[in-house]
């Protein structure tokens, strides 16, 4: 699909009261991007393993005793389910809107079981909340990660994958402040960030940093709540995490050789040295107060 067509469609859907549900139906029954194929689930399993390895290295307690928090869990809860199969027993999931779908979660759980993940049999738990409870998951939606309502120092670790790039900078700053509050001293965040233009996944005629050629005003025309992209780059995240008071223990910048070496960008991005970075991985520690 041409990226402009997709952007216009998402913009229109974002204005409709039932736009988020319509977008889900389009992904499932028209574009067939849901449910996820096995190869994508294998990547999610690998990502969950990397998150848990980072947490285990940083925290002096068994993984089944770690209290996890995640925001932006999504339609199918694939990564939380994968983490549950690896021993996570207490994971609190927040979504700003109730996007998780029972059919998607159970379908994904069965697909993960086929791939060898140790998860409860969905035949025994046809009610979503019951299945999640059996998997050590609690789902809260609407749940605002900027103001969780959780007690101070009540969470050991937070993980997200391909979520931060969809959050406005001011909201991300508020979330980081809240994480500093709810994490224990020495608590850990493990974040995976995708810096690519997400429209490029559907339109091969554009490259992964195509969206950087537009001014902020021009980009507002194409950006929408359904797939908001903040266009922050790797160094921006490093600065945000540091400004929030976190200690950066791992900063992994993954250069993407497929990105253009001499890209066309707006003045806002001109002269930057981090434009070839396609993905970032951050492990942050909440310092002792």
C-alpha atoms as a PDB file:
ATOM      1  CA  UNK A   1       0.000   0.000   0.000  1.00  0.00           C
ATOM      2  CA  UNK A   2       1.262   3.471  -0.878  1.00  0.00           C
ATOM      3  CA  UNK A   3       2.291   5.169   2.355  1.00  0.00           C
ATOM      4  CA  UNK A   4       0.187   8.265   1.630  1.00  0.00           C
ATOM      5  CA  UNK A   5      -2.911   6.120   1.145  1.00  0.00           C
ATOM      6  CA  UNK A   6      -2.243   4.331   4.427  1.00  0.00           C
ATOM      7  CA  UNK A   7      -1.593   7.600   6.240  1.00  0.00           C
ATOM      8  CA  UNK A   8      -4.826   9.135   4.950  1.00  0.00           C
ATOM      9  CA  UNK A   9      -6.777   6.023   5.937  1.00  0.00           C
ATOM     10  CA  UNK A  10      -5.299   6.030   9.447  1.00  0.00           C
ATOM     11  CA  UNK A  11      -5.942   9.747   9.785  1.00  0.00           C
ATOM     12  CA  UNK A  12      -9.589   9.220   8.857  1.00  0.00           C
ATOM     13  CA  UNK A  13      -9.974   6.261  11.221  1.00  0.00           C
ATOM     14  CA  UNK A  14      -8.409   8.231  14.078  1.00  0.00           C
ATOM     15  CA  UNK A  15     -11.249  10.760  13.807  1.00  0.00           C
ATOM     16  CA  UNK A  16     -13.966   8.103  14.103  1.00  0.00           C
ATOM     17  CA  UNK A  17     -15.340   6.986  17.501  1.00  0.00           C
ATOM     18  CA  UNK A  18     -14.771   3.324  16.603  1.00  0.00           C
ATOM     19  CA  UNK A  19     -11.615   3.989  14.591  1.00  0.00           C
ATOM     20  CA  UNK A  20      -9.314   1.826  16.690  1.00  0.00           C
ATOM     21  CA  UNK A  21     -11.602  -1.175  16.385  1.00  0.00           C
ATOM     22  CA  UNK A  22     -11.955  -0.621  12.625  1.00  0.00           C
ATOM     23  CA  UNK A  23      -8.177  -0.448  12.321  1.00  0.00           C
ATOM     24  CA  UNK A  24      -7.886  -3.782  14.123  1.00  0.00           C
ATOM     25  CA  UNK A  25     -10.463  -5.357  11.801  1.00  0.00           C
ATOM     26  CA  UNK A  26      -8.571  -4.071   8.755  1.00  0.00           C
ATOM     27  CA  UNK A  27      -5.304  -5.537  10.046  1.00  0.00           C
ATOM     28  CA  UNK A  28      -6.877  -8.879  10.766  1.00  0.00           C
ATOM     29  CA  UNK A  29      -9.232  -9.389   7.843  1.00  0.00           C
ATOM     30  CA  UNK A  30      -7.948  -7.138   5.019  1.00  0.00           C
ATOM     31  CA  UNK A  31      -4.158  -6.746   5.274  1.00  0.00           C
ATOM     32  CA  UNK A  32      -3.821  -9.989   7.293  1.00  0.00           C
ATOM     33  CA  UNK A  33      -0.985  -8.548   9.395  1.00  0.00           C
ATOM     34  CA  UNK A  34      -2.712 -10.167  12.383  1.00  0.00           C
ATOM     35  CA  UNK A  35      -2.352 -12.748  13.789  1.00  0.00           C
ATOM     36  CA  UNK A  36       1.432 -12.680  13.601  1.00  0.00           C
ATOM     37  CA  UNK A  37       3.211 -15.319  11.499  1.00  0.00           C
ATOM     38  CA  UNK A  38       5.532 -17.824  13.139  1.00  0.00           C
ATOM     39  CA  UNK A  39       8.720 -16.021  12.037  1.00  0.00           C
ATOM     40  CA  UNK A  40       7.570 -12.821  13.726  1.00  0.00           C
ATOM     41  CA  UNK A  41       6.669 -14.721  16.882  1.00  0.00           C
ATOM     42  CA  UNK A  42      10.165 -16.238  16.933  1.00  0.00           C
ATOM     43  CA  UNK A  43      11.599 -12.712  16.841  1.00  0.00           C
ATOM     44  CA  UNK A  44       9.335 -11.754  19.741  1.00  0.00           C
ATOM     45  CA  UNK A  45      10.529 -14.766  21.713  1.00  0.00           C
ATOM     46  CA  UNK A  46      14.138 -13.709  21.114  1.00  0.00           C
ATOM     47  CA  UNK A  47      13.350 -10.159  22.216  1.00  0.00           C
ATOM     48  CA  UNK A  48      11.673 -11.384  25.393  1.00  0.00           C
ATOM     49  CA  UNK A  49      14.732 -13.521  26.135  1.00  0.00           C
ATOM     50  CA  UNK A  50      16.986 -10.487  25.731  1.00  0.00           C
ATOM     51  CA  UNK A  51      14.825  -8.368  28.040  1.00  0.00           C
ATOM     52  CA  UNK A  52      14.835 -11.069  30.719  1.00  0.00           C
ATOM     53  CA  UNK A  53      18.589 -11.557  30.410  1.00  0.00           C
ATOM     54  CA  UNK A  54      19.093  -7.829  30.996  1.00  0.00           C
ATOM     55  CA  UNK A  55      16.777  -7.875  34.012  1.00  0.00           C
ATOM     56  CA  UNK A  56      18.380 -11.000  35.481  1.00  0.00           C
ATOM     57  CA  UNK A  57      21.836  -9.487  35.133  1.00  0.00           C
ATOM     58  CA  UNK A  58      20.774  -6.296  36.901  1.00  0.00           C
ATOM     59  CA  UNK A  59      18.524  -7.581  39.698  1.00  0.00           C
ATOM     60  CA  UNK A  60      19.579  -9.892  42.511  1.00  0.00           C
ATOM     61  CA  UNK A  61      16.421 -12.008  42.620  1.00  0.00           C
ATOM     62  CA  UNK A  62      14.924 -14.954  40.687  1.00  0.00           C
ATOM     63  CA  UNK A  63      12.951 -13.965  37.612  1.00  0.00           C
ATOM     64  CA  UNK A  64       9.749 -15.501  39.023  1.00  0.00           C
ATOM     65  CA  UNK A  65       9.959 -13.067  41.973  1.00  0.00           C
ATOM     66  CA  UNK A  66      10.444  -9.945  39.844  1.00  0.00           C
ATOM     67  CA  UNK A  67       7.460  -7.589  39.663  1.00  0.00           C
ATOM     68  CA  UNK A  68       7.241  -6.453  36.045  1.00  0.00           C
ATOM     69  CA  UNK A  69       5.460  -3.476  34.506  1.00  0.00           C
ATOM     70  CA  UNK A  70       4.848  -2.968  30.782  1.00  0.00           C
ATOM     71  CA  UNK A  71       2.991  -0.279  28.873  1.00  0.00           C
ATOM     72  CA  UNK A  72       1.778  -0.519  25.290  1.00  0.00           C
ATOM     73  CA  UNK A  73       1.104  -4.264  25.400  1.00  0.00           C
ATOM     74  CA  UNK A  74      -0.975  -4.341  22.190  1.00  0.00           C
ATOM     75  CA  UNK A  75      -3.612  -6.517  20.543  1.00  0.00           C
ATOM     76  CA  UNK A  76      -2.198  -9.975  21.162  1.00  0.00           C
ATOM     77  CA  UNK A  77       0.082  -9.642  24.238  1.00  0.00           C
ATOM     78  CA  UNK A  78       2.615 -11.793  22.385  1.00  0.00           C
ATOM     79  CA  UNK A  79       5.707 -10.653  24.242  1.00  0.00           C
ATOM     80  CA  UNK A  80       4.178 -10.808  27.746  1.00  0.00           C
ATOM     81  CA  UNK A  81       2.974 -14.332  26.965  1.00  0.00           C
ATOM     82  CA  UNK A  82       6.437 -15.322  25.750  1.00  0.00           C
ATOM     83  CA  UNK A  83       7.987 -13.891  28.925  1.00  0.00           C
ATOM     84  CA  UNK A  84       5.479 -15.802  31.058  1.00  0.00           C
ATOM     85  CA  UNK A  85       6.594 -19.040  29.442  1.00  0.00           C
ATOM     86  CA  UNK A  86      10.148 -18.156  30.533  1.00  0.00           C
ATOM     87  CA  UNK A  87       9.287 -17.882  34.200  1.00  0.00           C
ATOM     88  CA  UNK A  88       7.818 -14.407  34.693  1.00  0.00           C
ATOM     89  CA  UNK A  89       5.033 -14.814  37.265  1.00  0.00           C
ATOM     90  CA  UNK A  90       3.950 -11.225  37.982  1.00  0.00           C
ATOM     91  CA  UNK A  91       3.587  -8.846  35.036  1.00  0.00           C
ATOM     92  CA  UNK A  92       1.284  -5.816  35.049  1.00  0.00           C
ATOM     93  CA  UNK A  93       0.278  -4.579  31.584  1.00  0.00           C
ATOM     94  CA  UNK A  94      -1.056  -1.082  30.846  1.00  0.00           C
ATOM     95  CA  UNK A  95      -2.644   0.086  27.603  1.00  0.00           C
ATOM     96  CA  UNK A  96      -3.973   3.607  27.157  1.00  0.00           C
ATOM     97  CA  UNK A  97      -6.977   2.008  25.393  1.00  0.00           C
ATOM     98  CA  UNK A  98      -8.450  -1.502  25.774  1.00  0.00           C
ATOM     99  CA  UNK A  99      -6.943  -2.864  22.555  1.00  0.00           C
ATOM    100  CA  UNK A 100      -6.174  -6.437  23.656  1.00  0.00           C
ATOM    101  CA  UNK A 101      -8.563  -8.868  21.971  1.00  0.00           C
ATOM    102  CA  UNK A 102      -9.520 -12.188  23.534  1.00  0.00           C
ATOM    103  CA  UNK A 103      -9.432 -14.038  20.223  1.00  0.00           C
ATOM    104  CA  UNK A 104      -6.047 -12.578  19.325  1.00  0.00           C
ATOM    105  CA  UNK A 105      -4.508 -13.359  22.720  1.00  0.00           C
ATOM    106  CA  UNK A 106      -5.725 -16.959  22.743  1.00  0.00           C
ATOM    107  CA  UNK A 107      -4.740 -17.512  19.104  1.00  0.00           C
ATOM    108  CA  UNK A 108      -1.284 -16.118  19.811  1.00  0.00           C
ATOM    109  CA  UNK A 109      -0.926 -18.213  22.955  1.00  0.00           C
ATOM    110  CA  UNK A 110      -1.676 -21.362  20.960  1.00  0.00           C
ATOM    111  CA  UNK A 111       0.812 -20.343  18.256  1.00  0.00           C
ATOM    112  CA  UNK A 112       3.473 -19.807  20.926  1.00  0.00           C
ATOM    113  CA  UNK A 113       2.676 -23.236  22.396  1.00  0.00           C
ATOM    114  CA  UNK A 114       3.254 -24.754  18.959  1.00  0.00           C
ATOM    115  CA  UNK A 115       6.677 -23.074  18.974  1.00  0.00           C
ATOM    116  CA  UNK A 116       7.474 -24.773  22.279  1.00  0.00           C
ATOM    117  CA  UNK A 117       6.503 -22.076  24.763  1.00  0.00           C
ATOM    118  CA  UNK A 118       5.259 -23.393  28.114  1.00  0.00           C
ATOM    119  CA  UNK A 119       1.852 -21.692  28.416  1.00  0.00           C
ATOM    120  CA  UNK A 120      -1.514 -22.831  29.791  1.00  0.00           C
ATOM    121  CA  UNK A 121      -3.838 -24.653  27.412  1.00  0.00           C
ATOM    122  CA  UNK A 122      -6.345 -22.123  26.087  1.00  0.00           C
ATOM    123  CA  UNK A 123      -9.092 -24.769  26.053  1.00  0.00           C
ATOM    124  CA  UNK A 124      -9.134 -24.635  29.850  1.00  0.00           C
ATOM    125  CA  UNK A 125      -9.471 -20.813  30.049  1.00  0.00           C
ATOM    126  CA  UNK A 126     -11.836 -19.319  27.525  1.00  0.00           C
ATOM    127  CA  UNK A 127     -12.325 -16.087  29.536  1.00  0.00           C
ATOM    128  CA  UNK A 128      -9.472 -13.679  28.809  1.00  0.00           C
ATOM    129  CA  UNK A 129      -8.879 -12.465  32.375  1.00  0.00           C
ATOM    130  CA  UNK A 130      -8.793 -16.045  33.628  1.00  0.00           C
ATOM    131  CA  UNK A 131      -6.254 -17.057  30.999  1.00  0.00           C
ATOM    132  CA  UNK A 132      -4.086 -14.033  31.757  1.00  0.00           C
ATOM    133  CA  UNK A 133      -4.214 -14.773  35.483  1.00  0.00           C
ATOM    134  CA  UNK A 134      -3.144 -18.363  34.806  1.00  0.00           C
ATOM    135  CA  UNK A 135      -0.216 -16.917  32.831  1.00  0.00           C
ATOM    136  CA  UNK A 136       0.849 -14.490  35.568  1.00  0.00           C
ATOM    137  CA  UNK A 137      -0.477 -11.445  33.693  1.00  0.00           C
ATOM    138  CA  UNK A 138      -2.748  -8.598  34.724  1.00  0.00           C
ATOM    139  CA  UNK A 139      -4.143  -6.309  32.023  1.00  0.00           C
ATOM    140  CA  UNK A 140      -5.264  -2.757  32.810  1.00  0.00           C
ATOM    141  CA  UNK A 141      -6.944  -0.685  30.087  1.00  0.00           C
ATOM    142  CA  UNK A 142      -7.424   2.150  30.013  1.00  0.00           C
ATOM    143  CA  UNK A 143      -4.213   2.525  31.966  1.00  0.00           C
ATOM    144  CA  UNK A 144      -2.094   5.671  31.841  1.00  0.00           C
ATOM    145  CA  UNK A 145       1.641   5.069  32.202  1.00  0.00           C
ATOM    146  CA  UNK A 146       2.093   8.783  32.972  1.00  0.00           C
ATOM    147  CA  UNK A 147       0.045   8.396  36.148  1.00  0.00           C
ATOM    148  CA  UNK A 148      -0.269   4.721  37.040  1.00  0.00           C
ATOM    149  CA  UNK A 149      -1.770   5.054  40.518  1.00  0.00           C
ATOM    150  CA  UNK A 150       0.718   2.429  41.706  1.00  0.00           C
ATOM    151  CA  UNK A 151       2.484   2.713  45.034  1.00  0.00           C
ATOM    152  CA  UNK A 152       6.023   4.120  45.111  1.00  0.00           C
ATOM    153  CA  UNK A 153       8.773   1.519  44.746  1.00  0.00           C
ATOM    154  CA  UNK A 154       6.239  -1.213  43.948  1.00  0.00           C
ATOM    155  CA  UNK A 155       7.795  -2.385  40.654  1.00  0.00           C
ATOM    156  CA  UNK A 156      11.146  -4.100  40.084  1.00  0.00           C
ATOM    157  CA  UNK A 157      11.445  -3.888  36.305  1.00  0.00           C
ATOM    158  CA  UNK A 158       9.833  -2.360  33.211  1.00  0.00           C
ATOM    159  CA  UNK A 159      10.161  -3.521  29.616  1.00  0.00           C
ATOM    160  CA  UNK A 160       8.815  -2.239  26.303  1.00  0.00           C
ATOM    161  CA  UNK A 161       9.440  -3.173  22.685  1.00  0.00           C
ATOM    162  CA  UNK A 162       8.733  -0.822  19.756  1.00  0.00           C
ATOM    163  CA  UNK A 163       6.515   1.382  21.924  1.00  0.00           C
ATOM    164  CA  UNK A 164       8.543   4.470  22.830  1.00  0.00           C
ATOM    165  CA  UNK A 165       8.728   5.672  19.219  1.00  0.00           C
ATOM    166  CA  UNK A 166       4.932   6.048  19.236  1.00  0.00           C
ATOM    167  CA  UNK A 167       4.825   8.388  22.238  1.00  0.00           C
ATOM    168  CA  UNK A 168       5.060  12.184  22.089  1.00  0.00           C
ATOM    169  CA  UNK A 169       8.224  13.544  23.764  1.00  0.00           C
ATOM    170  CA  UNK A 170       6.330  15.375  26.513  1.00  0.00           C
ATOM    171  CA  UNK A 171       4.349  12.237  27.353  1.00  0.00           C
ATOM    172  CA  UNK A 172       7.491  10.121  27.291  1.00  0.00           C
ATOM    173  CA  UNK A 173       9.135  12.501  29.767  1.00  0.00           C
ATOM    174  CA  UNK A 174       6.100  12.153  32.065  1.00  0.00           C
ATOM    175  CA  UNK A 175       6.232   8.345  31.800  1.00  0.00           C
ATOM    176  CA  UNK A 176       9.914   8.316  32.721  1.00  0.00           C
ATOM    177  CA  UNK A 177       9.192  10.473  35.760  1.00  0.00           C
ATOM    178  CA  UNK A 178       6.468   8.043  36.814  1.00  0.00           C
ATOM    179  CA  UNK A 179       8.779   5.072  36.302  1.00  0.00           C
ATOM    180  CA  UNK A 180      11.356   6.687  38.570  1.00  0.00           C
ATOM    181  CA  UNK A 181       8.611   6.873  41.213  1.00  0.00           C
ATOM    182  CA  UNK A 182       7.194   3.356  40.982  1.00  0.00           C
ATOM    183  CA  UNK A 183      10.479   1.487  40.462  1.00  0.00           C
ATOM    184  CA  UNK A 184      12.421   0.305  43.478  1.00  0.00           C
ATOM    185  CA  UNK A 185      15.854   1.868  44.012  1.00  0.00           C
ATOM    186  CA  UNK A 186      18.047  -0.204  41.733  1.00  0.00           C
ATOM    187  CA  UNK A 187      15.046  -1.135  39.593  1.00  0.00           C
ATOM    188  CA  UNK A 188      15.639  -1.710  35.898  1.00  0.00           C
ATOM    189  CA  UNK A 189      14.099  -0.715  32.567  1.00  0.00           C
ATOM    190  CA  UNK A 190      14.861  -2.592  29.354  1.00  0.00           C
ATOM    191  CA  UNK A 191      13.680  -0.730  26.251  1.00  0.00           C
ATOM    192  CA  UNK A 192      13.875  -1.689  22.555  1.00  0.00           C
ATOM    193  CA  UNK A 193      13.223   1.204  20.169  1.00  0.00           C
ATOM    194  CA  UNK A 194      12.636   1.092  16.405  1.00  0.00           C
ATOM    195  CA  UNK A 195      13.742   4.302  14.639  1.00  0.00           C
ATOM    196  CA  UNK A 196      12.451   3.379  11.183  1.00  0.00           C
ATOM    197  CA  UNK A 197       9.617   5.094   9.364  1.00  0.00           C
ATOM    198  CA  UNK A 198       6.860   2.535  10.005  1.00  0.00           C
ATOM    199  CA  UNK A 199       5.165   3.375   6.713  1.00  0.00           C
ATOM    200  CA  UNK A 200       8.167   1.851   4.937  1.00  0.00           C
ATOM    201  CA  UNK A 201       7.061  -1.593   6.106  1.00  0.00           C
ATOM    202  CA  UNK A 202       4.023  -1.385   3.825  1.00  0.00           C
ATOM    203  CA  UNK A 203       5.493   0.671   0.990  1.00  0.00           C
ATOM    204  CA  UNK A 204       8.841  -0.518  -0.457  1.00  0.00           C
ATOM    205  CA  UNK A 205       9.134   2.665  -2.526  1.00  0.00           C
ATOM    206  CA  UNK A 206      10.286   4.620   0.546  1.00  0.00           C
ATOM    207  CA  UNK A 207      13.264   4.038   2.815  1.00  0.00           C
ATOM    208  CA  UNK A 208      13.400   3.663   6.580  1.00  0.00           C
ATOM    209  CA  UNK A 209      14.055   7.345   7.304  1.00  0.00           C
ATOM    210  CA  UNK A 210      11.816   8.785   4.620  1.00  0.00           C
ATOM    211  CA  UNK A 211       9.744  10.617   7.249  1.00  0.00           C
ATOM    212  CA  UNK A 212      12.731  12.755   8.298  1.00  0.00           C
ATOM    213  CA  UNK A 213      12.505  14.816   5.107  1.00  0.00           C
ATOM    214  CA  UNK A 214       9.407  16.618   6.367  1.00  0.00           C
ATOM    215  CA  UNK A 215       9.187  19.624   8.658  1.00  0.00           C
ATOM    216  CA  UNK A 216       7.182  19.187  11.849  1.00  0.00           C
ATOM    217  CA  UNK A 217       4.221  21.015  10.300  1.00  0.00           C
ATOM    218  CA  UNK A 218       4.384  18.885   7.153  1.00  0.00           C
ATOM    219  CA  UNK A 219       4.646  15.666   9.151  1.00  0.00           C
ATOM    220  CA  UNK A 220       1.576  16.589  11.221  1.00  0.00           C
ATOM    221  CA  UNK A 221      -0.427  16.242   8.010  1.00  0.00           C
ATOM    222  CA  UNK A 222       0.485  12.537   7.784  1.00  0.00           C
ATOM    223  CA  UNK A 223       0.907  11.561  11.425  1.00  0.00           C
ATOM    224  CA  UNK A 224      -2.105  10.197  13.290  1.00  0.00           C
ATOM    225  CA  UNK A 225      -3.034   8.758  16.676  1.00  0.00           C
ATOM    226  CA  UNK A 226      -3.424   5.284  15.166  1.00  0.00           C
ATOM    227  CA  UNK A 227       0.277   5.025  14.338  1.00  0.00           C
ATOM    228  CA  UNK A 228       1.830   8.088  15.881  1.00  0.00           C
ATOM    229  CA  UNK A 229       5.555   8.401  15.151  1.00  0.00           C
ATOM    230  CA  UNK A 230       7.562  10.910  17.167  1.00  0.00           C
ATOM    231  CA  UNK A 231      10.636  10.784  14.850  1.00  0.00           C
ATOM    232  CA  UNK A 232      13.010  10.950  17.816  1.00  0.00           C
ATOM    233  CA  UNK A 233      16.473   9.589  17.068  1.00  0.00           C
ATOM    234  CA  UNK A 234      18.877   7.539  19.163  1.00  0.00           C
ATOM    235  CA  UNK A 235      20.656  10.473  20.801  1.00  0.00           C
ATOM    236  CA  UNK A 236      17.305  12.063  21.712  1.00  0.00           C
ATOM    237  CA  UNK A 237      16.376   9.005  23.771  1.00  0.00           C
ATOM    238  CA  UNK A 238      19.745   8.971  25.504  1.00  0.00           C
ATOM    239  CA  UNK A 239      19.197  12.593  26.514  1.00  0.00           C
ATOM    240  CA  UNK A 240      15.621  11.928  27.686  1.00  0.00           C
ATOM    241  CA  UNK A 241      16.663   8.995  29.866  1.00  0.00           C
ATOM    242  CA  UNK A 242      19.547  10.951  31.379  1.00  0.00           C
ATOM    243  CA  UNK A 243      17.375  14.021  32.003  1.00  0.00           C
ATOM    244  CA  UNK A 244      14.855  11.815  33.836  1.00  0.00           C
ATOM    245  CA  UNK A 245      17.607  10.759  36.248  1.00  0.00           C
ATOM    246  CA  UNK A 246      18.213   7.203  35.076  1.00  0.00           C
ATOM    247  CA  UNK A 247      21.645   5.635  34.905  1.00  0.00           C
ATOM    248  CA  UNK A 248      22.283   4.119  31.459  1.00  0.00           C
ATOM    249  CA  UNK A 249      23.948   0.739  31.924  1.00  0.00           C
ATOM    250  CA  UNK A 250      23.516  -0.546  28.355  1.00  0.00           C
ATOM    251  CA  UNK A 251      23.215   1.592  25.217  1.00  0.00           C
ATOM    252  CA  UNK A 252      23.199  -0.460  22.023  1.00  0.00           C
ATOM    253  CA  UNK A 253      22.947   1.459  18.751  1.00  0.00           C
ATOM    254  CA  UNK A 254      22.269  -0.863  15.806  1.00  0.00           C
ATOM    255  CA  UNK A 255      23.316   0.663  12.493  1.00  0.00           C
ATOM    256  CA  UNK A 256      21.084  -0.307   9.562  1.00  0.00           C
ATOM    257  CA  UNK A 257      23.165  -0.593   6.350  1.00  0.00           C
ATOM    258  CA  UNK A 258      20.004  -0.398   4.234  1.00  0.00           C
ATOM    259  CA  UNK A 259      19.411   3.219   5.253  1.00  0.00           C
ATOM    260  CA  UNK A 260      20.629   5.891   2.808  1.00  0.00           C
ATOM    261  CA  UNK A 261      24.110   7.239   3.470  1.00  0.00           C
ATOM    262  CA  UNK A 262      23.240  10.709   2.181  1.00  0.00           C
ATOM    263  CA  UNK A 263      19.564  11.085   3.100  1.00  0.00           C
ATOM    264  CA  UNK A 264      17.267  13.957   2.251  1.00  0.00           C
ATOM    265  CA  UNK A 265      16.177  15.432   5.594  1.00  0.00           C
ATOM    266  CA  UNK A 266      14.551  18.595   6.863  1.00  0.00           C
ATOM    267  CA  UNK A 267      16.595  21.242   8.640  1.00  0.00           C
ATOM    268  CA  UNK A 268      15.609  19.763  12.023  1.00  0.00           C
ATOM    269  CA  UNK A 269      17.621  16.612  11.273  1.00  0.00           C
ATOM    270  CA  UNK A 270      20.433  18.105   9.189  1.00  0.00           C
ATOM    271  CA  UNK A 271      23.944  17.373  10.428  1.00  0.00           C
ATOM    272  CA  UNK A 272      22.934  14.643  12.852  1.00  0.00           C
ATOM    273  CA  UNK A 273      25.333  11.745  13.340  1.00  0.00           C
ATOM    274  CA  UNK A 274      22.740   9.161  14.418  1.00  0.00           C
ATOM    275  CA  UNK A 275      20.618   8.914  11.255  1.00  0.00           C
ATOM    276  CA  UNK A 276      22.056   5.537  10.230  1.00  0.00           C
ATOM    277  CA  UNK A 277      20.964   3.935  13.518  1.00  0.00           C
ATOM    278  CA  UNK A 278      17.902   1.809  12.835  1.00  0.00           C
ATOM    279  CA  UNK A 279      17.274   0.330  16.278  1.00  0.00           C
ATOM    280  CA  UNK A 280      18.294   1.029  19.845  1.00  0.00           C
ATOM    281  CA  UNK A 281      18.431  -1.054  23.013  1.00  0.00           C
ATOM    282  CA  UNK A 282      18.651   0.613  26.397  1.00  0.00           C
ATOM    283  CA  UNK A 283      18.985  -0.786  29.892  1.00  0.00           C
ATOM    284  CA  UNK A 284      18.383   1.851  32.565  1.00  0.00           C
ATOM    285  CA  UNK A 285      18.824   1.653  36.325  1.00  0.00           C
ATOM    286  CA  UNK A 286      16.774   3.670  38.809  1.00  0.00           C
ATOM    287  CA  UNK A 287      19.496   5.046  41.088  1.00  0.00           C
ATOM    288  CA  UNK A 288      19.432   4.906  44.862  1.00  0.00           C
ATOM    289  CA  UNK A 289      17.631   7.945  46.215  1.00  0.00           C
END
